[in-house]
PDB file of N, CA and C in Angstrom:
ATOM      1  N   UNK A   1       3.548 -18.928 -10.837  1.00  0.00           N
ATOM      2  CA  UNK A   1       2.507 -19.098  -9.648  1.00  0.00           C
ATOM      3  C   UNK A   1       1.199 -17.980  -9.567  1.00  0.00           C
ATOM      4  N   UNK A   2       0.165 -18.391  -9.266  1.00  0.00           N
ATOM      5  CA  UNK A   2      -0.467 -17.833  -9.605  1.00  0.00           C
ATOM      6  C   UNK A   2      -1.595 -17.311  -8.046  1.00  0.00           C
ATOM      7  N   UNK A   3      -1.738 -16.284  -8.104  1.00  0.00           N
ATOM      8  CA  UNK A   3      -2.894 -15.967  -6.565  1.00  0.00           C
ATOM      9  C   UNK A   3      -3.679 -14.971  -6.054  1.00  0.00           C
ATOM     10  N   UNK A   4      -4.579 -15.490  -5.457  1.00  0.00           N
ATOM     11  CA  UNK A   4      -5.915 -14.669  -5.643  1.00  0.00           C
ATOM     12  C   UNK A   4      -6.276 -13.636  -4.490  1.00  0.00           C
ATOM     13  N   UNK A   5      -6.348 -12.760  -4.357  1.00  0.00           N
ATOM     14  CA  UNK A   5      -7.193 -11.811  -3.092  1.00  0.00           C
ATOM     15  C   UNK A   5      -8.308 -11.627  -3.543  1.00  0.00           C
ATOM     16  N   UNK A   6      -8.818 -12.022  -2.216  1.00  0.00           N
ATOM     17  CA  UNK A   6     -10.636 -12.179  -2.394  1.00  0.00           C
ATOM     18  C   UNK A   6     -10.819 -10.766  -0.956  1.00  0.00           C
ATOM     19  N   UNK A   7     -11.873 -10.020  -1.414  1.00  0.00           N
ATOM     20  CA  UNK A   7     -12.418  -8.903  -0.410  1.00  0.00           C
ATOM     21  C   UNK A   7     -13.605  -9.002   0.059  1.00  0.00           C
ATOM     22  N   UNK A   8     -14.304  -9.304   1.195  1.00  0.00           N
ATOM     23  CA  UNK A   8     -15.611  -9.138   1.387  1.00  0.00           C
ATOM     24  C   UNK A   8     -16.081  -7.957   1.974  1.00  0.00           C
ATOM     25  N   UNK A   9     -16.851  -7.445   1.294  1.00  0.00           N
ATOM     26  CA  UNK A   9     -17.294  -5.840   2.676  1.00  0.00           C
ATOM     27  C   UNK A   9     -18.818  -6.119   2.199  1.00  0.00           C
ATOM     28  N   UNK A  10     -19.473  -6.011   3.860  1.00  0.00           N
ATOM     29  CA  UNK A  10     -20.556  -5.651   4.009  1.00  0.00           C
ATOM     30  C   UNK A  10     -21.372  -4.974   4.374  1.00  0.00           C
ATOM     31  N   UNK A  11     -22.434  -4.095   3.480  1.00  0.00           N
ATOM     32  CA  UNK A  11     -22.597  -3.104   3.949  1.00  0.00           C
ATOM     33  C   UNK A  11     -24.099  -3.318   4.722  1.00  0.00           C
ATOM     34  N   UNK A  12     -25.024  -2.439   4.257  1.00  0.00           N
ATOM     35  CA  UNK A  12     -26.648  -2.058   5.049  1.00  0.00           C
ATOM     36  C   UNK A  12     -27.294  -3.184   4.446  1.00  0.00           C
ATOM     37  N   UNK A  13     -27.375  -2.305   2.892  1.00  0.00           N
ATOM     38  CA  UNK A  13     -28.330  -2.742   1.628  1.00  0.00           C
ATOM     39  C   UNK A  13     -27.495  -3.893   0.673  1.00  0.00           C
ATOM     40  N   UNK A  14     -26.266  -4.031   1.021  1.00  0.00           N
ATOM     41  CA  UNK A  14     -25.696  -5.000   0.088  1.00  0.00           C
ATOM     42  C   UNK A  14     -24.843  -5.597   0.520  1.00  0.00           C
ATOM     43  N   UNK A  15     -24.220  -7.042   0.034  1.00  0.00           N
ATOM     44  CA  UNK A  15     -23.314  -7.618   0.194  1.00  0.00           C
ATOM     45  C   UNK A  15     -22.557  -8.412  -0.786  1.00  0.00           C
ATOM     46  N   UNK A  16     -21.141  -8.205  -0.913  1.00  0.00           N
ATOM     47  CA  UNK A  16     -20.658  -8.706  -2.381  1.00  0.00           C
ATOM     48  C   UNK A  16     -19.413  -9.157  -1.965  1.00  0.00           C
ATOM     49  N   UNK A  17     -18.613  -9.756  -3.368  1.00  0.00           N
ATOM     50  CA  UNK A  17     -17.239  -9.958  -3.438  1.00  0.00           C
ATOM     51  C   UNK A  17     -16.175 -10.036  -4.232  1.00  0.00           C
ATOM     52  N   UNK A  18     -15.992  -9.494  -3.882  1.00  0.00           N
ATOM     53  CA  UNK A  18     -14.530  -8.798  -5.168  1.00  0.00           C
ATOM     54  C   UNK A  18     -13.547  -9.772  -5.514  1.00  0.00           C
ATOM     55  N   UNK A  19     -13.283 -10.560  -6.206  1.00  0.00           N
ATOM     56  CA  UNK A  19     -11.935 -11.656  -6.606  1.00  0.00           C
ATOM     57  C   UNK A  19     -10.767 -10.577  -7.126  1.00  0.00           C
ATOM     58  N   UNK A  20      -9.856 -10.671  -7.459  1.00  0.00           N
ATOM     59  CA  UNK A  20      -8.680 -10.266  -8.194  1.00  0.00           C
ATOM     60  C   UNK A  20      -7.431 -11.537  -8.060  1.00  0.00           C
ATOM     61  N   UNK A  21      -7.178 -11.523  -9.539  1.00  0.00           N
ATOM     62  CA  UNK A  21      -5.869 -12.291  -9.638  1.00  0.00           C
ATOM     63  C   UNK A  21      -4.995 -11.774 -10.349  1.00  0.00           C
ATOM     64  N   UNK A  22      -3.565 -12.370  -9.262  1.00  0.00           N
ATOM     65  CA  UNK A  22      -2.375 -11.513  -9.128  1.00  0.00           C
ATOM     66  C   UNK A  22      -1.277 -12.584  -9.724  1.00  0.00           C
ATOM     67  N   UNK A  23      -0.725 -12.365 -10.979  1.00  0.00           N
ATOM     68  CA  UNK A  23      -0.220 -13.273 -11.910  1.00  0.00           C
ATOM     69  C   UNK A  23       1.633 -13.160 -11.533  1.00  0.00           C
ATOM     70  N   UNK A  24       2.022 -11.987 -10.954  1.00  0.00           N
ATOM     71  CA  UNK A  24       3.102 -11.431 -10.440  1.00  0.00           C
ATOM     72  C   UNK A  24       3.064 -11.036  -9.693  1.00  0.00           C
ATOM     73  N   UNK A  25       3.831 -10.795  -8.605  1.00  0.00           N
ATOM     74  CA  UNK A  25       3.471 -10.144  -7.264  1.00  0.00           C
ATOM     75  C   UNK A  25       3.877  -8.307  -7.365  1.00  0.00           C
ATOM     76  N   UNK A  26       5.035  -8.212  -8.334  1.00  0.00           N
ATOM     77  CA  UNK A  26       5.274  -6.895  -8.962  1.00  0.00           C
ATOM     78  C   UNK A  26       4.179  -6.435  -9.561  1.00  0.00           C
ATOM     79  N   UNK A  27       3.292  -7.082  -9.775  1.00  0.00           N
ATOM     80  CA  UNK A  27       2.127  -6.355 -10.615  1.00  0.00           C
ATOM     81  C   UNK A  27       0.685  -6.179  -9.718  1.00  0.00           C
ATOM     82  N   UNK A  28       1.398  -6.442  -8.489  1.00  0.00           N
ATOM     83  CA  UNK A  28       0.147  -5.935  -7.205  1.00  0.00           C
ATOM     84  C   UNK A  28      -0.625  -4.757  -6.855  1.00  0.00           C
ATOM     85  N   UNK A  29       0.850  -3.762  -6.915  1.00  0.00           N
ATOM     86  CA  UNK A  29      -0.047  -2.570  -6.751  1.00  0.00           C
ATOM     87  C   UNK A  29      -0.764  -2.160  -8.131  1.00  0.00           C
ATOM     88  N   UNK A  30      -0.388  -2.513  -9.344  1.00  0.00           N
ATOM     89  CA  UNK A  30      -1.399  -1.932 -10.421  1.00  0.00           C
ATOM     90  C   UNK A  30      -2.657  -2.613 -10.307  1.00  0.00           C
ATOM     91  N   UNK A  31      -2.418  -3.957  -9.775  1.00  0.00           N
ATOM     92  CA  UNK A  31      -3.966  -4.636  -9.742  1.00  0.00           C
ATOM     93  C   UNK A  31      -4.727  -4.017  -8.356  1.00  0.00           C
ATOM     94  N   UNK A  32      -4.272  -3.750  -7.490  1.00  0.00           N
ATOM     95  CA  UNK A  32      -5.066  -3.223  -6.797  1.00  0.00           C
ATOM     96  C   UNK A  32      -5.738  -2.131  -7.312  1.00  0.00           C
ATOM     97  N   UNK A  33      -4.761  -1.330  -7.722  1.00  0.00           N
ATOM     98  CA  UNK A  33      -5.371   0.123  -8.338  1.00  0.00           C
ATOM     99  C   UNK A  33      -6.577   0.055  -9.135  1.00  0.00           C
ATOM    100  N   UNK A  34      -6.425  -1.102  -9.967  1.00  0.00           N
ATOM    101  CA  UNK A  34      -7.538  -1.669 -11.050  1.00  0.00           C
ATOM    102  C   UNK A  34      -8.634  -1.832 -10.318  1.00  0.00           C
ATOM    103  N   UNK A  35      -8.137  -2.984  -9.432  1.00  0.00           N
ATOM    104  CA  UNK A  35      -9.251  -3.157  -8.371  1.00  0.00           C
ATOM    105  C   UNK A  35     -10.174  -1.844  -7.544  1.00  0.00           C
ATOM    106  N   UNK A  36      -9.373  -1.180  -7.455  1.00  0.00           N
ATOM    107  CA  UNK A  36     -10.345  -0.070  -7.004  1.00  0.00           C
ATOM    108  C   UNK A  36     -10.897   0.841  -7.369  1.00  0.00           C
ATOM    109  N   UNK A  37     -10.097   1.151  -8.742  1.00  0.00           N
ATOM    110  CA  UNK A  37     -11.286   1.831  -9.332  1.00  0.00           C
ATOM    111  C   UNK A  37     -12.327   0.871  -9.694  1.00  0.00           C
ATOM    112  N   UNK A  38     -12.275  -0.363 -10.359  1.00  0.00           N
ATOM    113  CA  UNK A  38     -13.532  -1.355 -10.647  1.00  0.00           C
ATOM    114  C   UNK A  38     -14.655  -0.986  -9.534  1.00  0.00           C
ATOM    115  N   UNK A  39     -13.643  -0.610  -8.134  1.00  0.00           N
ATOM    116  CA  UNK A  39     -15.108  -0.885  -7.445  1.00  0.00           C
ATOM    117  C   UNK A  39     -16.128   0.514  -7.430  1.00  0.00           C
ATOM    118  N   UNK A  40     -14.738   1.332  -7.347  1.00  0.00           N
ATOM    119  CA  UNK A  40     -15.580   3.313  -7.604  1.00  0.00           C
ATOM    120  C   UNK A  40     -16.631   2.992  -8.850  1.00  0.00           C
ATOM    121  N   UNK A  41     -16.613   2.006  -9.772  1.00  0.00           N
ATOM    122  CA  UNK A  41     -17.009   2.311 -11.032  1.00  0.00           C
ATOM    123  C   UNK A  41     -18.637   1.985 -10.480  1.00  0.00           C
ATOM    124  N   UNK A  42     -18.402   0.420 -10.036  1.00  0.00           N
ATOM    125  CA  UNK A  42     -19.217  -0.017  -9.020  1.00  0.00           C
ATOM    126  C   UNK A  42     -20.413   0.427  -8.386  1.00  0.00           C
ATOM    127  N   UNK A  43     -19.376   1.205  -7.416  1.00  0.00           N
ATOM    128  CA  UNK A  43     -20.890   2.186  -6.419  1.00  0.00           C
ATOM    129  C   UNK A  43     -20.864   3.157  -7.335  1.00  0.00           C
ATOM    130  N   UNK A  44     -20.286   4.092  -7.975  1.00  0.00           N
ATOM    131  CA  UNK A  44     -20.981   5.442  -8.682  1.00  0.00           C
ATOM    132  C   UNK A  44     -22.311   4.823  -9.247  1.00  0.00           C
ATOM    133  N   UNK A  45     -22.077   3.642 -10.409  1.00  0.00           N
ATOM    134  CA  UNK A  45     -23.702   2.787 -10.683  1.00  0.00           C
ATOM    135  C   UNK A  45     -24.919   2.921  -9.987  1.00  0.00           C
ATOM    136  N   UNK A  46     -24.544   2.698  -8.425  1.00  0.00           N
ATOM    137  CA  UNK A  46     -25.144   2.518  -6.858  1.00  0.00           C
ATOM    138  C   UNK A  46     -25.339   3.566  -6.434  1.00  0.00           C
ATOM    139  N   UNK A  47     -24.641   4.989  -7.338  1.00  0.00           N
ATOM    140  CA  UNK A  47     -25.263   5.710  -6.150  1.00  0.00           C
ATOM    141  C   UNK A  47     -24.657   5.865  -4.581  1.00  0.00           C
ATOM    142  N   UNK A  48     -23.744   5.385  -4.555  1.00  0.00           N
ATOM    143  CA  UNK A  48     -23.133   5.405  -3.038  1.00  0.00           C
ATOM    144  C   UNK A  48     -21.651   6.149  -3.101  1.00  0.00           C
ATOM    145  N   UNK A  49     -21.509   6.445  -2.196  1.00  0.00           N
ATOM    146  CA  UNK A  49     -20.440   7.217  -2.143  1.00  0.00           C
ATOM    147  C   UNK A  49     -19.129   6.616  -1.189  1.00  0.00           C
ATOM    148  N   UNK A  50     -17.977   6.325  -1.670  1.00  0.00           N
ATOM    149  CA  UNK A  50     -16.841   5.588  -0.870  1.00  0.00           C
ATOM    150  C   UNK A  50     -15.614   6.358  -1.125  1.00  0.00           C
ATOM    151  N   UNK A  51     -14.993   6.389  -0.075  1.00  0.00           N
ATOM    152  CA  UNK A  51     -13.642   6.943   0.186  1.00  0.00           C
ATOM    153  C   UNK A  51     -12.122   6.398   0.300  1.00  0.00           C
ATOM    154  N   UNK A  52     -11.250   6.094  -0.639  1.00  0.00           N
ATOM    155  CA  UNK A  52     -10.315   5.482  -0.287  1.00  0.00           C
ATOM    156  C   UNK A  52      -9.016   5.987  -0.042  1.00  0.00           C
ATOM    157  N   UNK A  53      -8.412   5.435   1.546  1.00  0.00           N
ATOM    158  CA  UNK A  53      -7.227   5.973   1.673  1.00  0.00           C
ATOM    159  C   UNK A  53      -6.002   4.834   1.695  1.00  0.00           C
ATOM    160  N   UNK A  54      -5.365   5.437   0.589  1.00  0.00           N
ATOM    161  CA  UNK A  54      -4.169   4.455   0.478  1.00  0.00           C
ATOM    162  C   UNK A  54      -2.699   5.339   1.212  1.00  0.00           C
TER     163      UNK A  54
END
């Protein structure tokens, strides 16, 4: 069973959509951590600072 999680975030200067595919429910946490790392990488390239609280 495949599931998709899409997150939308709109900021003052940019608007984007991130989607991650979850193959198994047990991998959700791992996928979310990878997702957050991906966002942090993107934001570092844009010289933005973003904080995450889990």
